[in-house]
Amino acid sequence: LWLLVILQVALLWVVTDLRHQAIPS
């Protein structure tokens, strides 16, 4: 159960990081 939660949080963090990198600064 904890592994599933960790994977979900990690995936969300990666997606958010990619979105921030995609934003032109």
N, C-alpha and C. Protein backbone atom coordinates (compact mmCIF):
# COMPACT_ATOMS: atom_id res chain seq x y z
N LEU A 1 0.84 -1.21 0.00
CA LEU A 1 0.00 0.00 0.00
C LEU A 1 0.87 1.25 0.00
N TRP A 2 1.90 1.25 0.85
CA TRP A 2 2.77 2.43 0.92
C TRP A 2 3.52 2.63 -0.39
N LEU A 3 3.88 1.50 -1.03
CA LEU A 3 4.62 1.60 -2.30
C LEU A 3 3.78 2.30 -3.35
N LEU A 4 2.48 1.99 -3.36
CA LEU A 4 1.58 2.60 -4.33
C LEU A 4 1.49 4.11 -4.09
N VAL A 5 1.44 4.50 -2.83
CA VAL A 5 1.35 5.92 -2.48
C VAL A 5 2.63 6.65 -2.89
N ILE A 6 3.77 6.02 -2.63
CA ILE A 6 5.06 6.62 -2.97
C ILE A 6 5.18 6.81 -4.48
N LEU A 7 4.76 5.80 -5.23
CA LEU A 7 4.83 5.89 -6.69
C LEU A 7 3.93 7.00 -7.21
N GLN A 8 2.76 7.13 -6.61
CA GLN A 8 1.81 8.17 -7.06
C GLN A 8 2.37 9.56 -6.79
N VAL A 9 2.94 9.74 -5.60
CA VAL A 9 3.52 11.04 -5.24
C VAL A 9 4.72 11.34 -6.14
N ALA A 10 5.54 10.34 -6.38
CA ALA A 10 6.73 10.52 -7.22
C ALA A 10 6.31 10.91 -8.64
N LEU A 11 5.27 10.25 -9.15
CA LEU A 11 4.80 10.55 -10.50
C LEU A 11 4.29 11.98 -10.58
N LEU A 12 3.54 12.40 -9.56
CA LEU A 12 3.00 13.75 -9.54
C LEU A 12 4.13 14.77 -9.48
N TRP A 13 5.17 14.47 -8.70
CA TRP A 13 6.30 15.38 -8.57
C TRP A 13 7.05 15.51 -9.89
N VAL A 14 7.20 14.39 -10.59
CA VAL A 14 7.91 14.41 -11.88
C VAL A 14 7.12 15.21 -12.91
N VAL A 15 5.80 14.99 -12.94
CA VAL A 15 4.95 15.71 -13.90
C VAL A 15 5.00 17.21 -13.62
N THR A 16 4.95 17.57 -12.35
CA THR A 16 5.00 18.99 -11.98
C THR A 16 6.34 19.60 -12.37
N ASP A 17 7.42 18.84 -12.18
CA ASP A 17 8.76 19.34 -12.51
C ASP A 17 8.87 19.54 -14.02
N LEU A 18 8.31 18.60 -14.78
CA LEU A 18 8.37 18.72 -16.24
C LEU A 18 7.58 19.93 -16.70
N ARG A 19 6.46 20.19 -16.05
CA ARG A 19 5.64 21.34 -16.42
C ARG A 19 6.39 22.64 -16.15
N HIS A 20 7.12 22.69 -15.03
CA HIS A 20 7.88 23.90 -14.70
C HIS A 20 9.01 24.11 -15.70
N GLN A 21 9.61 23.01 -16.15
CA GLN A 21 10.71 23.11 -17.11
C GLN A 21 10.18 23.52 -18.48
N ALA A 22 8.92 23.16 -18.76
CA ALA A 22 8.33 23.47 -20.06
C ALA A 22 7.96 24.95 -20.15
N ILE A 23 7.81 25.59 -19.00
CA ILE A 23 7.44 27.02 -19.00
C ILE A 23 8.67 27.88 -19.36
N PRO A 24 8.58 28.65 -20.44
CA PRO A 24 9.71 29.51 -20.83
C PRO A 24 9.95 30.61 -19.80
N SER A 25 11.18 30.73 -19.35
CA SER A 25 11.50 31.72 -18.33
C SER A 25 12.25 32.92 -18.92
